[in-house]
C-alpha atoms as a PDB file:
ATOM      1  CA  SER A   1      58.987  44.451 -36.808  1.00  0.00           C
ATOM      2  CA  ASP A   2      60.397  47.867 -37.606  1.00  0.00           C
ATOM      3  CA  GLY A   3      64.087  47.617 -38.529  1.00  0.00           C
ATOM      4  CA  ASN A   4      64.753  51.047 -36.974  1.00  0.00           C
ATOM      5  CA  VAL A   5      63.804  50.006 -33.438  1.00  0.00           C
ATOM      6  CA  VAL A   6      66.749  50.498 -31.062  1.00  0.00           C
ATOM      7  CA  THR A   7      67.042  47.831 -28.392  1.00  0.00           C
ATOM      8  CA  SER A   8      68.837  48.172 -25.085  1.00  0.00           C
ATOM      9  CA  ALA A   9      70.458  44.750 -25.488  1.00  0.00           C
ATOM     10  CA  SER A  10      73.209  43.487 -27.728  1.00  0.00           C
ATOM     11  CA  THR A  11      75.421  40.410 -27.741  1.00  0.00           C
ATOM     12  CA  CYS A  12      79.015  40.051 -26.682  1.00  0.00           C
ATOM     13  CA  PRO A  13      81.136  39.653 -29.833  1.00  0.00           C
ATOM     14  CA  TRP A  14      83.253  37.011 -28.061  1.00  0.00           C
ATOM     15  CA  CYS A  15      80.904  34.771 -26.045  1.00  0.00           C
ATOM     16  CA  GLY A  16      77.515  35.682 -27.526  1.00  0.00           C
ATOM     17  CA  GLU A  17      75.883  36.462 -24.162  1.00  0.00           C
ATOM     18  CA  VAL A  18      73.284  39.196 -24.076  1.00  0.00           C
ATOM     19  CA  VAL A  19      74.889  42.425 -22.826  1.00  0.00           C
ATOM     20  CA  ASP A  20      73.802  45.992 -22.275  1.00  0.00           C
ATOM     21  CA  LYS A  21      74.088  47.735 -25.652  1.00  0.00           C
ATOM     22  CA  ALA A  22      75.266  50.937 -23.932  1.00  0.00           C
ATOM     23  CA  LEU A  23      78.162  49.014 -22.359  1.00  0.00           C
ATOM     24  CA  LEU A  24      79.251  47.646 -25.747  1.00  0.00           C
ATOM     25  CA  ASP A  25      78.845  51.070 -27.386  1.00  0.00           C
ATOM     26  CA  GLU A  26      80.886  52.709 -24.610  1.00  0.00           C
ATOM     27  CA  PHE A  27      83.647  50.118 -25.043  1.00  0.00           C
ATOM     28  CA  ASN A  28      83.591  50.514 -28.833  1.00  0.00           C
ATOM     29  CA  LYS A  29      83.205  54.318 -29.071  1.00  0.00           C
ATOM     30  CA  ASP A  30      86.803  55.287 -29.853  1.00  0.00           C
ATOM     31  CA  LYS A  31      87.667  52.184 -31.828  1.00  0.00           C
ATOM     32  CA  ASP A  32      87.267  51.148 -35.428  1.00  0.00           C
ATOM     33  CA  SER A  33      84.017  49.398 -36.219  1.00  0.00           C
ATOM     34  CA  ARG A  34      85.750  46.009 -36.088  1.00  0.00           C
ATOM     35  CA  LEU A  35      87.008  44.756 -32.745  1.00  0.00           C
ATOM     36  CA  THR A  36      90.177  42.667 -32.781  1.00  0.00           C
ATOM     37  CA  VAL A  37      90.179  39.308 -30.993  1.00  0.00           C
ATOM     38  CA  ALA A  38      92.126  40.866 -28.104  1.00  0.00           C
ATOM     39  CA  MET A  39      89.568  43.679 -27.851  1.00  0.00           C
ATOM     40  CA  GLN A  40      86.680  41.210 -27.951  1.00  0.00           C
ATOM     41  CA  THR A  41      88.142  39.117 -25.134  1.00  0.00           C
ATOM     42  CA  ARG A  42      88.863  42.263 -23.085  1.00  0.00           C
ATOM     43  CA  PHE A  43      85.241  43.389 -23.514  1.00  0.00           C
ATOM     44  CA  CYS A  44      84.022  39.880 -22.606  1.00  0.00           C
ATOM     45  CA  ARG A  45      86.043  39.901 -19.376  1.00  0.00           C
ATOM     46  CA  ARG A  46      84.711  43.368 -18.575  1.00  0.00           C
ATOM     47  CA  HIS A  47      81.035  42.467 -19.015  1.00  0.00           C
ATOM     48  CA  LYS A  48      81.432  39.183 -17.108  1.00  0.00           C
ATOM     49  CA  THR A  49      83.133  41.017 -14.231  1.00  0.00           C
ATOM     50  CA  ARG A  50      80.400  43.656 -14.180  1.00  0.00           C
ATOM     51  CA  SER A  51      77.704  40.963 -14.270  1.00  0.00           C
ATOM     52  CA  ALA A  52      79.370  38.990 -11.457  1.00  0.00           C
ATOM     53  CA  LYS A  53      79.670  42.136  -9.324  1.00  0.00           C
ATOM     54  CA  SER A  54      76.000  42.929  -9.864  1.00  0.00           C
ATOM     55  CA  ILE A  55      74.961  39.368  -8.877  1.00  0.00           C
ATOM     56  CA  TYR A  56      77.319  39.505  -5.872  1.00  0.00           C
ATOM     57  CA  ASP A  57      75.737  42.771  -4.696  1.00  0.00           C
ATOM     58  CA  ALA A  58      72.169  41.626  -5.389  1.00  0.00           C
ATOM     59  CA  ASN A  59      72.687  38.510  -3.248  1.00  0.00           C
ATOM     60  CA  LYS A  60      74.281  40.564  -0.473  1.00  0.00           C
ATOM     61  CA  TYR A  61      77.407  38.428  -0.351  1.00  0.00           C
ATOM     62  CA  PRO A  62      79.880  39.977   2.098  1.00  0.00           C
ATOM     63  CA  GLU A  63      83.057  41.819   1.285  1.00  0.00           C
ATOM     64  CA  ILE A  64      85.905  39.440   2.093  1.00  0.00           C
ATOM     65  CA  ASP A  65      88.604  40.710   4.440  1.00  0.00           C
ATOM     66  CA  TRP A  66      91.556  38.755   3.061  1.00  0.00           C
ATOM     67  CA  GLN A  67      93.840  40.042   5.832  1.00  0.00           C
ATOM     68  CA  THR A  68      91.876  38.387   8.646  1.00  0.00           C
ATOM     69  CA  LEU A  69      90.391  35.447   6.747  1.00  0.00           C
ATOM     70  CA  GLU A  70      92.777  32.796   8.065  1.00  0.00           C
ATOM     71  CA  ASP A  71      92.143  33.906  11.649  1.00  0.00           C
ATOM     72  CA  ARG A  72      88.490  32.936  11.177  1.00  0.00           C
ATOM     73  CA  PHE A  73      89.347  29.404   9.985  1.00  0.00           C
ATOM     74  CA  ALA A  74      90.616  28.223  13.377  1.00  0.00           C
ATOM     75  CA  LYS A  75      87.132  28.014  14.891  1.00  0.00           C
ATOM     76  CA  PHE A  76      86.328  25.261  12.380  1.00  0.00           C
ATOM     77  CA  ASN A  77      89.419  23.123  13.075  1.00  0.00           C
ATOM     78  CA  SER A  78      87.503  20.567  15.145  1.00  0.00           C
ATOM     79  CA  ASP A  79      84.897  20.221  12.360  1.00  0.00           C
ATOM     80  CA  LEU A  80      87.638  19.675   9.774  1.00  0.00           C
ATOM     81  CA  ARG A  81      89.424  17.185  12.029  1.00  0.00           C
ATOM     82  CA  SER A  82      86.156  15.262  12.366  1.00  0.00           C
ATOM     83  CA  VAL A  83      85.856  15.038   8.567  1.00  0.00           C
ATOM     84  CA  ILE A  84      89.488  13.883   8.304  1.00  0.00           C
ATOM     85  CA  ASN A  85      88.662  11.142  10.813  1.00  0.00           C
ATOM     86  CA  GLY A  86      85.718   9.901   8.760  1.00  0.00           C
ATOM     87  CA  GLY A  87      82.928  12.052  10.185  1.00  0.00           C
ATOM     88  CA  ALA A  88      79.836  12.956   8.186  1.00  0.00           C
ATOM     89  CA  SER A  89      80.567  15.247   5.264  1.00  0.00           C
ATOM     90  CA  HIS A  90      78.619  16.194   2.152  1.00  0.00           C
ATOM     91  CA  PHE A  91      81.839  16.703   0.183  1.00  0.00           C
ATOM     92  CA  ARG A  92      83.459  13.503   1.466  1.00  0.00           C
ATOM     93  CA  MET A  93      80.379  11.577   0.292  1.00  0.00           C
ATOM     94  CA  LEU A  94      80.612  13.173  -3.186  1.00  0.00           C
ATOM     95  CA  HIS A  95      84.354  12.477  -3.334  1.00  0.00           C
ATOM     96  CA  GLU A  96      83.829   8.855  -2.307  1.00  0.00           C
ATOM     97  CA  GLU A  97      81.096   8.415  -4.941  1.00  0.00           C
ATOM     98  CA  ALA A  98      83.404   9.846  -7.608  1.00  0.00           C
ATOM     99  CA  ILE A  99      86.160   7.445  -6.536  1.00  0.00           C
ATOM    100  CA  ARG A 100      83.805   4.451  -6.732  1.00  0.00           C
ATOM    101  CA  ALA A 101      82.619   5.555 -10.161  1.00  0.00           C
ATOM    102  CA  GLY A 102      86.226   5.872 -11.331  1.00  0.00           C
ATOM    103  CA  GLN A 103      85.916   9.610 -11.885  1.00  0.00           C
ATOM    104  CA  GLY A 104      88.390  12.296 -10.975  1.00  0.00           C
ATOM    105  CA  ARG A 105      91.560  10.241 -11.236  1.00  0.00           C
ATOM    106  CA  VAL A 106      93.288  13.445 -12.229  1.00  0.00           C
ATOM    107  CA  MET A 107      92.131  16.714 -10.727  1.00  0.00           C
ATOM    108  CA  LYS A 108      91.376  19.034 -13.602  1.00  0.00           C
ATOM    109  CA  GLU A 109      91.520  22.773 -13.411  1.00  0.00           C
ATOM    110  CA  ASP A 110      88.143  23.008 -15.115  1.00  0.00           C
ATOM    111  CA  GLN A 111      86.488  21.140 -12.221  1.00  0.00           C
ATOM    112  CA  ASN A 112      85.150  24.083 -10.291  1.00  0.00           C
ATOM    113  CA  MET A 113      86.223  23.377  -6.725  1.00  0.00           C
ATOM    114  CA  ASN A 114      86.023  27.032  -5.722  1.00  0.00           C
ATOM    115  CA  PRO A 115      84.349  27.532  -2.357  1.00  0.00           C
ATOM    116  CA  GLY A 116      81.502  29.667  -3.671  1.00  0.00           C
ATOM    117  CA  TYR A 117      81.985  33.421  -3.580  1.00  0.00           C
ATOM    118  CA  TYR A 118      85.443  32.960  -2.033  1.00  0.00           C
ATOM    119  CA  GLY A 119      86.549  31.993  -5.533  1.00  0.00           C
ATOM    120  CA  PRO A 120      89.955  30.774  -6.717  1.00  0.00           C
ATOM    121  CA  ARG A 121      91.764  32.991  -4.224  1.00  0.00           C
ATOM    122  CA  GLY A 122      89.700  31.490  -1.402  1.00  0.00           C
ATOM    123  CA  LEU A 123      90.487  27.993  -2.700  1.00  0.00           C
ATOM    124  CA  THR A 124      94.196  28.781  -2.492  1.00  0.00           C
ATOM    125  CA  VAL A 125      94.054  30.446   0.938  1.00  0.00           C
ATOM    126  CA  MET A 126      91.905  27.651   2.404  1.00  0.00           C
ATOM    127  CA  SER A 127      94.048  24.905   0.852  1.00  0.00           C
ATOM    128  CA  ASP A 128      97.265  26.444   2.170  1.00  0.00           C
ATOM    129  CA  TYR A 129      95.776  26.788   5.649  1.00  0.00           C
ATOM    130  CA  ILE A 130      94.529  23.185   5.673  1.00  0.00           C
ATOM    131  CA  VAL A 131      97.909  21.858   4.518  1.00  0.00           C
ATOM    132  CA  ARG A 132      99.676  23.745   7.336  1.00  0.00           C
ATOM    133  CA  GLN A 133      97.163  22.723   9.989  1.00  0.00           C
ATOM    134  CA  PHE A 134      96.354  19.155   8.969  1.00  0.00           C
ATOM    135  CA  GLY A 135      99.016  17.954   6.523  1.00  0.00           C
ATOM    136  CA  ASP A 136     100.635  15.517   8.952  1.00  0.00           C
ATOM    137  CA  GLU A 137      97.275  14.223  10.202  1.00  0.00           C
ATOM    138  CA  LEU A 138      96.137  13.599   6.626  1.00  0.00           C
ATOM    139  CA  LYS A 139      99.287  11.608   5.831  1.00  0.00           C
ATOM    140  CA  LYS A 140      98.753   9.404   8.883  1.00  0.00           C
ATOM    141  CA  ARG A 141      95.045   9.019   8.242  1.00  0.00           C
ATOM    142  CA  ALA A 142      95.693   8.037   4.599  1.00  0.00           C
ATOM    143  CA  LEU A 143      97.268   4.812   5.893  1.00  0.00           C
ATOM    144  CA  THR A 144      93.871   3.615   7.146  1.00  0.00           C
ATOM    145  CA  ASP A 145      91.355   5.678   5.156  1.00  0.00           C
ATOM    146  CA  ASP A 146      90.731   4.539   1.580  1.00  0.00           C
ATOM    147  CA  VAL A 147      88.932   7.780   0.652  1.00  0.00           C
ATOM    148  CA  ILE A 148      92.013   9.858   1.472  1.00  0.00           C
ATOM    149  CA  ALA A 149      94.517   7.309   0.153  1.00  0.00           C
ATOM    150  CA  SER A 150      92.754   6.675  -3.127  1.00  0.00           C
ATOM    151  CA  ARG A 151      93.368  10.111  -4.693  1.00  0.00           C
ATOM    152  CA  GLY A 152      95.840  11.475  -2.155  1.00  0.00           C
ATOM    153  CA  SER A 153      95.807  14.219   0.430  1.00  0.00           C
ATOM    154  CA  ALA A 154      95.865  17.070  -2.088  1.00  0.00           C
ATOM    155  CA  ALA A 155      92.674  15.849  -3.765  1.00  0.00           C
ATOM    156  CA  PHE A 156      91.031  15.278  -0.382  1.00  0.00           C
ATOM    157  CA  ILE A 157      91.935  18.808   0.672  1.00  0.00           C
ATOM    158  CA  GLN A 158      90.589  20.444  -2.487  1.00  0.00           C
ATOM    159  CA  CYS A 159      87.559  18.219  -3.053  1.00  0.00           C
ATOM    160  CA  VAL A 160      86.460  17.709   0.554  1.00  0.00           C
ATOM    161  CA  LEU A 161      88.058  19.914   3.189  1.00  0.00           C
ATOM    162  CA  VAL A 162      87.958  23.191   1.254  1.00  0.00           C
ATOM    163  CA  GLY A 163      84.269  22.556   0.522  1.00  0.00           C
ATOM    164  CA  GLU A 164      83.583  21.899   4.194  1.00  0.00           C
ATOM    165  CA  LEU A 165      85.525  24.964   5.318  1.00  0.00           C
ATOM    166  CA  GLY A 166      83.870  27.109   2.638  1.00  0.00           C
ATOM    167  CA  THR A 167      80.434  25.885   3.734  1.00  0.00           C
ATOM    168  CA  ARG A 168      81.134  26.788   7.362  1.00  0.00           C
ATOM    169  CA  MET A 169      82.513  30.196   6.393  1.00  0.00           C
ATOM    170  CA  ILE A 170      79.392  30.949   4.342  1.00  0.00           C
ATOM    171  CA  MET A 171      77.143  29.761   7.181  1.00  0.00           C
ATOM    172  CA  ASP A 172      79.033  32.161   9.444  1.00  0.00           C
ATOM    173  CA  ASP A 173      79.013  35.051   6.922  1.00  0.00           C
ATOM    174  CA  MET A 174      75.377  34.805   5.904  1.00  0.00           C
ATOM    175  CA  GLY A 175      73.756  33.421   9.066  1.00  0.00           C
ATOM    176  CA  VAL A 176      72.327  30.441   7.175  1.00  0.00           C
ATOM    177  CA  ASP A 177      72.102  26.703   7.785  1.00  0.00           C
ATOM    178  CA  ASN A 178      74.222  24.053   6.096  1.00  0.00           C
ATOM    179  CA  ALA A 179      71.695  23.317   3.326  1.00  0.00           C
ATOM    180  CA  ARG A 180      71.439  26.985   2.323  1.00  0.00           C
ATOM    181  CA  ALA A 181      75.225  27.407   2.506  1.00  0.00           C
ATOM    182  CA  LEU A 182      75.627  24.520   0.042  1.00  0.00           C
ATOM    183  CA  GLU A 183      73.155  26.237  -2.297  1.00  0.00           C
ATOM    184  CA  ILE A 184      75.068  29.514  -1.981  1.00  0.00           C
ATOM    185  CA  ILE A 185      78.327  27.737  -2.841  1.00  0.00           C
ATOM    186  CA  GLU A 186      76.815  26.437  -6.080  1.00  0.00           C
ATOM    187  CA  GLU A 187      74.993  29.592  -7.099  1.00  0.00           C
ATOM    188  CA  SER A 188      77.899  31.912  -6.307  1.00  0.00           C
ATOM    189  CA  LYS A 189      80.625  29.970  -8.121  1.00  0.00           C
END
């Protein structure tokens, strides 16, 4: 191939992902030819943010109104209470399987428990809401429910209840069924 051919793609100097060459050139235009580590990581964050925004827009995920988000949670309280009381739950089943397999004894930050496109902020807002609404019920239920007792209420909230609430929020946002909402959670993380 001709060595003079200009391509429209380049690679991120930090993570190695393919990026738009124009984006890298724009970032690098007023800098020396060598990017410092700090500059490389800043560029990496920028291209990942831009890529995430483009995917978010392409999939028509909704803009999240953080001011009214908690008000929307209340309509799912009976569903969450049912899960607390042992009702059918995709996330409870996964949590129980992990317990049986001896996994997840310590919740790690790198386990991505974010509720899809609601992200880490959504995880925090949903967790805080669930603790306020159901904290006492979870403590009582832990006395008779091995799934809750085994890893504690905090793990049950983050691994099970946030997933269930996130699924219901996405079903509501996107007008999809439970199966599609679970797919959206995974693909939008």
